[in-house]
Amino acid sequence: MARARGLRDRASFAVLVTRYQSRVRGYLRQLTRDPALADDLAQETFIRAWEKLSSFSGKGQWVSWLLAIAHRQFLQSLRKRERSERLQTALEAQSSTDDGRGASPSPQPDSDLADLPRLLSVLSEDERIALVLAYGHGMSHAEISEVTGMALGTVKSHIHRGKARIQQRFDLEKFDHA
């Protein structure tokens, strides 16, 4: 452990990964009840551990420090899933209120934009959240940052990339925040 931390020795860290990966995966499988998700979170845990290796003080057990990182990764994935479910519920509600009325909830530059779920399907989760809050709820970048906890620059990047992805995928003209 000391060699991996002090020298940032990849080989020593790889030994630690091999030694503790089953314990981390087992813990995450108990929390998630989803082996694939647990494996993904375990991988993220070891990436975070490598990035934060210098912050381990050596006062406690390394495995406790590692499991704390795994737990934070689990909580983060849970929050992402909950945000995604809330967004999906909102989109379904919006879609059901739009059905039969022919009116879209906000001004759209093109008739293709009436199919919001189809447009949003090409975005990453964070891009989707940022665009829905900006265009669907009329929030400013600063407000989106406050709601999501994303840095302001990150919000702006997600909106920019999301708009570009939609424009490219659906061959749409440029649209701006109304």
C-alpha atoms as a PDB file:
ATOM      1  CA  MET A   1       0.000   0.000   0.000  1.00  0.00           C
ATOM      2  CA  ALA A   2       2.710   2.477   0.963  1.00  0.00           C
ATOM      3  CA  ARG A   3       4.575   1.860  -2.277  1.00  0.00           C
ATOM      4  CA  ALA A   4       1.446   2.329  -4.379  1.00  0.00           C
ATOM      5  CA  ARG A   5       0.628   5.552  -2.523  1.00  0.00           C
ATOM      6  CA  GLY A   6       4.072   7.038  -2.134  1.00  0.00           C
ATOM      7  CA  LEU A   7       5.453   6.256  -5.563  1.00  0.00           C
ATOM      8  CA  ARG A   8       2.123   6.034  -7.402  1.00  0.00           C
ATOM      9  CA  ASP A   9       3.387   2.657  -8.519  1.00  0.00           C
ATOM     10  CA  ARG A  10       0.842   1.124 -10.899  1.00  0.00           C
ATOM     11  CA  ALA A  11       2.089  -2.419 -10.367  1.00  0.00           C
ATOM     12  CA  SER A  12       1.673  -2.137  -6.589  1.00  0.00           C
ATOM     13  CA  PHE A  13      -1.792  -0.651  -7.063  1.00  0.00           C
ATOM     14  CA  ALA A  14      -2.696  -3.499  -9.437  1.00  0.00           C
ATOM     15  CA  VAL A  15      -1.814  -5.953  -6.651  1.00  0.00           C
ATOM     16  CA  LEU A  16      -4.196  -4.085  -4.329  1.00  0.00           C
ATOM     17  CA  VAL A  17      -6.947  -4.184  -6.955  1.00  0.00           C
ATOM     18  CA  THR A  18      -6.488  -7.929  -7.359  1.00  0.00           C
ATOM     19  CA  ARG A  19      -6.499  -8.425  -3.594  1.00  0.00           C
ATOM     20  CA  TYR A  20      -9.630  -6.356  -2.870  1.00  0.00           C
ATOM     21  CA  GLN A  21     -11.737  -6.435  -6.028  1.00  0.00           C
ATOM     22  CA  SER A  22     -13.906  -9.366  -4.952  1.00  0.00           C
ATOM     23  CA  ARG A  23     -14.619  -7.713  -1.616  1.00  0.00           C
ATOM     24  CA  VAL A  24     -15.584  -4.423  -3.284  1.00  0.00           C
ATOM     25  CA  ARG A  25     -17.711  -6.183  -5.905  1.00  0.00           C
ATOM     26  CA  GLY A  26     -19.422  -8.293  -3.240  1.00  0.00           C
ATOM     27  CA  TYR A  27     -20.288  -5.222  -1.201  1.00  0.00           C
ATOM     28  CA  LEU A  28     -21.645  -3.414  -4.257  1.00  0.00           C
ATOM     29  CA  ARG A  29     -23.619  -6.461  -5.404  1.00  0.00           C
ATOM     30  CA  GLN A  30     -25.322  -6.544  -2.019  1.00  0.00           C
ATOM     31  CA  LEU A  31     -26.233  -2.876  -2.357  1.00  0.00           C
ATOM     32  CA  THR A  32     -27.317  -2.883  -6.004  1.00  0.00           C
ATOM     33  CA  ARG A  33     -28.651  -6.429  -6.423  1.00  0.00           C
ATOM     34  CA  ASP A  34     -27.395  -6.033 -10.003  1.00  0.00           C
ATOM     35  CA  PRO A  35     -24.101  -7.795 -10.827  1.00  0.00           C
ATOM     36  CA  ALA A  36     -23.425  -5.755 -13.979  1.00  0.00           C
ATOM     37  CA  LEU A  37     -23.998  -2.454 -12.208  1.00  0.00           C
ATOM     38  CA  ALA A  38     -21.915  -3.634  -9.258  1.00  0.00           C
ATOM     39  CA  ASP A  39     -19.033  -4.479 -11.581  1.00  0.00           C
ATOM     40  CA  ASP A  40     -19.250  -1.045 -13.222  1.00  0.00           C
ATOM     41  CA  LEU A  41     -19.305   0.660  -9.832  1.00  0.00           C
ATOM     42  CA  ALA A  42     -16.376  -1.447  -8.628  1.00  0.00           C
ATOM     43  CA  GLN A  43     -14.369  -0.329 -11.641  1.00  0.00           C
ATOM     44  CA  GLU A  44     -15.268   3.295 -10.899  1.00  0.00           C
ATOM     45  CA  THR A  45     -14.292   2.735  -7.272  1.00  0.00           C
ATOM     46  CA  PHE A  46     -10.786   1.648  -8.195  1.00  0.00           C
ATOM     47  CA  ILE A  47     -10.426   4.530 -10.649  1.00  0.00           C
ATOM     48  CA  ARG A  48     -11.409   6.976  -7.893  1.00  0.00           C
ATOM     49  CA  ALA A  49      -9.097   5.223  -5.435  1.00  0.00           C
ATOM     50  CA  TRP A  50      -6.175   5.639  -7.839  1.00  0.00           C
ATOM     51  CA  GLU A  51      -7.037   9.301  -8.389  1.00  0.00           C
ATOM     52  CA  LYS A  52      -7.370   9.958  -4.632  1.00  0.00           C
ATOM     53  CA  LEU A  53      -4.569   7.664  -3.471  1.00  0.00           C
ATOM     54  CA  SER A  54      -2.570  10.528  -2.015  1.00  0.00           C
ATOM     55  CA  SER A  55      -5.504  11.453   0.245  1.00  0.00           C
ATOM     56  CA  PHE A  56      -5.320   8.131   2.111  1.00  0.00           C
ATOM     57  CA  SER A  57      -3.642   9.069   5.384  1.00  0.00           C
ATOM     58  CA  GLY A  58      -2.710   5.543   6.412  1.00  0.00           C
ATOM     59  CA  LYS A  59      -4.362   5.957   9.828  1.00  0.00           C
ATOM     60  CA  GLY A  60      -7.242   3.578   9.149  1.00  0.00           C
ATOM     61  CA  GLN A  61      -7.472   0.385   7.165  1.00  0.00           C
ATOM     62  CA  TRP A  62      -7.116   0.733   3.430  1.00  0.00           C
ATOM     63  CA  VAL A  63     -10.051  -1.583   2.794  1.00  0.00           C
ATOM     64  CA  SER A  64     -12.312   0.682   4.885  1.00  0.00           C
ATOM     65  CA  TRP A  65     -11.202   3.686   2.857  1.00  0.00           C
ATOM     66  CA  LEU A  66     -11.807   1.725  -0.347  1.00  0.00           C
ATOM     67  CA  LEU A  67     -15.290   0.588   0.736  1.00  0.00           C
ATOM     68  CA  ALA A  68     -16.156   4.185   1.621  1.00  0.00           C
ATOM     69  CA  ILE A  69     -15.310   5.153  -1.952  1.00  0.00           C
ATOM     70  CA  ALA A  70     -17.439   2.242  -3.203  1.00  0.00           C
ATOM     71  CA  HIS A  71     -20.327   3.418  -1.052  1.00  0.00           C
ATOM     72  CA  ARG A  72     -20.100   6.955  -2.461  1.00  0.00           C
ATOM     73  CA  GLN A  73     -20.065   5.523  -5.980  1.00  0.00           C
ATOM     74  CA  PHE A  74     -23.214   3.548  -5.152  1.00  0.00           C
ATOM     75  CA  LEU A  75     -24.968   6.633  -3.752  1.00  0.00           C
ATOM     76  CA  GLN A  76     -23.986   8.646  -6.801  1.00  0.00           C
ATOM     77  CA  SER A  77     -25.409   5.989  -9.135  1.00  0.00           C
ATOM     78  CA  LEU A  78     -28.586   5.888  -7.079  1.00  0.00           C
ATOM     79  CA  ARG A  79     -29.019   9.651  -7.397  1.00  0.00           C
ATOM     80  CA  LYS A  80     -28.429   9.453 -11.155  1.00  0.00           C
ATOM     81  CA  ARG A  81     -31.010   6.701 -11.496  1.00  0.00           C
ATOM     82  CA  GLU A  82     -33.546   8.663  -9.441  1.00  0.00           C
ATOM     83  CA  ARG A  83     -32.964  11.787 -11.585  1.00  0.00           C
ATOM     84  CA  SER A  84     -33.401   9.714 -14.708  1.00  0.00           C
ATOM     85  CA  GLU A  85     -36.638   8.176 -13.416  1.00  0.00           C
ATOM     86  CA  ARG A  86     -38.026  11.618 -12.471  1.00  0.00           C
ATOM     87  CA  LEU A  87     -37.130  12.935 -15.900  1.00  0.00           C
ATOM     88  CA  GLN A  88     -38.741   9.946 -17.624  1.00  0.00           C
ATOM     89  CA  THR A  89     -41.909  10.419 -15.556  1.00  0.00           C
ATOM     90  CA  ALA A  90     -41.994  14.109 -16.474  1.00  0.00           C
ATOM     91  CA  LEU A  91     -41.495  13.297 -20.155  1.00  0.00           C
ATOM     92  CA  GLU A  92     -44.270  10.705 -20.068  1.00  0.00           C
ATOM     93  CA  ALA A  93     -46.590  13.172 -18.336  1.00  0.00           C
ATOM     94  CA  GLN A  94     -45.733  15.849 -20.890  1.00  0.00           C
ATOM     95  CA  SER A  95     -46.265  13.408 -23.728  1.00  0.00           C
ATOM     96  CA  SER A  96     -49.672  12.329 -22.392  1.00  0.00           C
ATOM     97  CA  THR A  97     -50.863  15.939 -21.983  1.00  0.00           C
ATOM     98  CA  ASP A  98     -49.674  16.769 -25.493  1.00  0.00           C
ATOM     99  CA  ASP A  99     -51.490  13.779 -27.052  1.00  0.00           C
ATOM    100  CA  GLY A 100     -54.728  14.718 -28.716  1.00  0.00           C
ATOM    101  CA  ARG A 101     -54.295  18.449 -28.272  1.00  0.00           C
ATOM    102  CA  GLY A 102     -51.732  19.007 -30.974  1.00  0.00           C
ATOM    103  CA  ALA A 103     -50.088  21.768 -28.959  1.00  0.00           C
ATOM    104  CA  SER A 104     -46.504  21.605 -27.888  1.00  0.00           C
ATOM    105  CA  PRO A 105     -45.541  22.879 -24.405  1.00  0.00           C
ATOM    106  CA  SER A 106     -43.180  25.568 -25.705  1.00  0.00           C
ATOM    107  CA  PRO A 107     -42.433  27.244 -29.004  1.00  0.00           C
ATOM    108  CA  GLN A 108     -40.502  24.909 -31.273  1.00  0.00           C
ATOM    109  CA  PRO A 109     -38.502  25.959 -34.325  1.00  0.00           C
ATOM    110  CA  ASP A 110     -39.463  22.877 -36.320  1.00  0.00           C
ATOM    111  CA  SER A 111     -42.339  20.421 -36.355  1.00  0.00           C
ATOM    112  CA  ASP A 112     -39.869  17.545 -35.799  1.00  0.00           C
ATOM    113  CA  LEU A 113     -39.291  18.899 -32.273  1.00  0.00           C
ATOM    114  CA  ALA A 114     -42.786  17.863 -31.215  1.00  0.00           C
ATOM    115  CA  ASP A 115     -41.425  14.359 -30.646  1.00  0.00           C
ATOM    116  CA  LEU A 116     -39.469  15.272 -27.535  1.00  0.00           C
ATOM    117  CA  PRO A 117     -38.760  11.745 -26.236  1.00  0.00           C
ATOM    118  CA  ARG A 118     -37.266  10.782 -29.604  1.00  0.00           C
ATOM    119  CA  LEU A 119     -35.044  13.858 -29.631  1.00  0.00           C
ATOM    120  CA  LEU A 120     -33.915  13.368 -26.059  1.00  0.00           C
ATOM    121  CA  SER A 121     -33.109   9.713 -26.649  1.00  0.00           C
ATOM    122  CA  VAL A 122     -29.846  10.599 -28.419  1.00  0.00           C
ATOM    123  CA  LEU A 123     -28.484  12.542 -25.438  1.00  0.00           C
ATOM    124  CA  SER A 124     -26.465  11.491 -22.427  1.00  0.00           C
ATOM    125  CA  GLU A 125     -28.313  11.642 -19.119  1.00  0.00           C
ATOM    126  CA  ASP A 126     -26.649  14.913 -18.080  1.00  0.00           C
ATOM    127  CA  GLU A 127     -27.279  16.543 -21.463  1.00  0.00           C
ATOM    128  CA  ARG A 128     -30.919  15.449 -21.309  1.00  0.00           C
ATOM    129  CA  ILE A 129     -31.364  16.859 -17.810  1.00  0.00           C
ATOM    130  CA  ALA A 130     -29.757  20.185 -18.731  1.00  0.00           C
ATOM    131  CA  LEU A 131     -31.813  20.597 -21.911  1.00  0.00           C
ATOM    132  CA  VAL A 132     -35.102  19.656 -20.258  1.00  0.00           C
ATOM    133  CA  LEU A 133     -34.505  22.154 -17.465  1.00  0.00           C
ATOM    134  CA  ALA A 134     -33.416  24.881 -19.920  1.00  0.00           C
ATOM    135  CA  TYR A 135     -36.028  24.422 -22.623  1.00  0.00           C
ATOM    136  CA  GLY A 136     -38.810  22.577 -20.843  1.00  0.00           C
ATOM    137  CA  HIS A 137     -38.731  24.586 -17.637  1.00  0.00           C
ATOM    138  CA  GLY A 138     -37.162  27.837 -18.832  1.00  0.00           C
ATOM    139  CA  MET A 139     -34.332  27.756 -16.301  1.00  0.00           C
ATOM    140  CA  SER A 140     -31.145  29.770 -16.694  1.00  0.00           C
ATOM    141  CA  HIS A 141     -27.770  28.071 -16.719  1.00  0.00           C
ATOM    142  CA  ALA A 142     -27.164  29.283 -13.149  1.00  0.00           C
ATOM    143  CA  GLU A 143     -30.498  27.841 -11.993  1.00  0.00           C
ATOM    144  CA  ILE A 144     -29.735  24.504 -13.646  1.00  0.00           C
ATOM    145  CA  SER A 145     -26.364  24.501 -11.898  1.00  0.00           C
ATOM    146  CA  GLU A 146     -28.087  25.076  -8.578  1.00  0.00           C
ATOM    147  CA  VAL A 147     -30.713  22.377  -9.150  1.00  0.00           C
ATOM    148  CA  THR A 148     -28.357  19.682 -10.410  1.00  0.00           C
ATOM    149  CA  GLY A 149     -25.209  20.493  -8.480  1.00  0.00           C
ATOM    150  CA  MET A 150     -23.262  20.615 -11.753  1.00  0.00           C
ATOM    151  CA  ALA A 151     -20.692  23.374 -12.201  1.00  0.00           C
ATOM    152  CA  LEU A 152     -21.947  26.279 -14.309  1.00  0.00           C
ATOM    153  CA  GLY A 153     -19.420  25.570 -17.064  1.00  0.00           C
ATOM    154  CA  THR A 154     -20.466  21.925 -17.107  1.00  0.00           C
ATOM    155  CA  VAL A 155     -24.127  22.904 -17.521  1.00  0.00           C
ATOM    156  CA  LYS A 156     -23.218  25.159 -20.434  1.00  0.00           C
ATOM    157  CA  SER A 157     -21.159  22.375 -22.022  1.00  0.00           C
ATOM    158  CA  HIS A 158     -23.957  19.813 -21.658  1.00  0.00           C
ATOM    159  CA  ILE A 159     -26.465  22.195 -23.238  1.00  0.00           C
ATOM    160  CA  HIS A 160     -24.121  23.063 -26.088  1.00  0.00           C
ATOM    161  CA  ARG A 161     -23.183  19.434 -26.799  1.00  0.00           C
ATOM    162  CA  GLY A 162     -26.774  18.248 -26.426  1.00  0.00           C
ATOM    163  CA  LYS A 163     -28.097  20.817 -28.881  1.00  0.00           C
ATOM    164  CA  ALA A 164     -25.345  19.984 -31.341  1.00  0.00           C
ATOM    165  CA  ARG A 165     -26.063  16.263 -31.032  1.00  0.00           C
ATOM    166  CA  ILE A 166     -29.794  16.774 -31.669  1.00  0.00           C
ATOM    167  CA  GLN A 167     -29.117  19.095 -34.604  1.00  0.00           C
ATOM    168  CA  GLN A 168     -26.700  16.653 -36.172  1.00  0.00           C
ATOM    169  CA  ARG A 169     -28.735  13.506 -35.539  1.00  0.00           C
ATOM    170  CA  PHE A 170     -32.026  14.937 -36.789  1.00  0.00           C
ATOM    171  CA  ASP A 171     -30.582  17.342 -39.374  1.00  0.00           C
ATOM    172  CA  LEU A 172     -32.269  20.355 -37.751  1.00  0.00           C
ATOM    173  CA  GLU A 173     -31.608  24.037 -38.124  1.00  0.00           C
ATOM    174  CA  LYS A 174     -29.985  25.767 -35.156  1.00  0.00           C
ATOM    175  CA  PHE A 175     -32.305  26.491 -32.266  1.00  0.00           C
ATOM    176  CA  ASP A 176     -31.787  28.847 -29.328  1.00  0.00           C
ATOM    177  CA  HIS A 177     -33.028  29.066 -25.766  1.00  0.00           C
ATOM    178  CA  ALA A 178     -36.247  31.060 -25.838  1.00  0.00           C
END
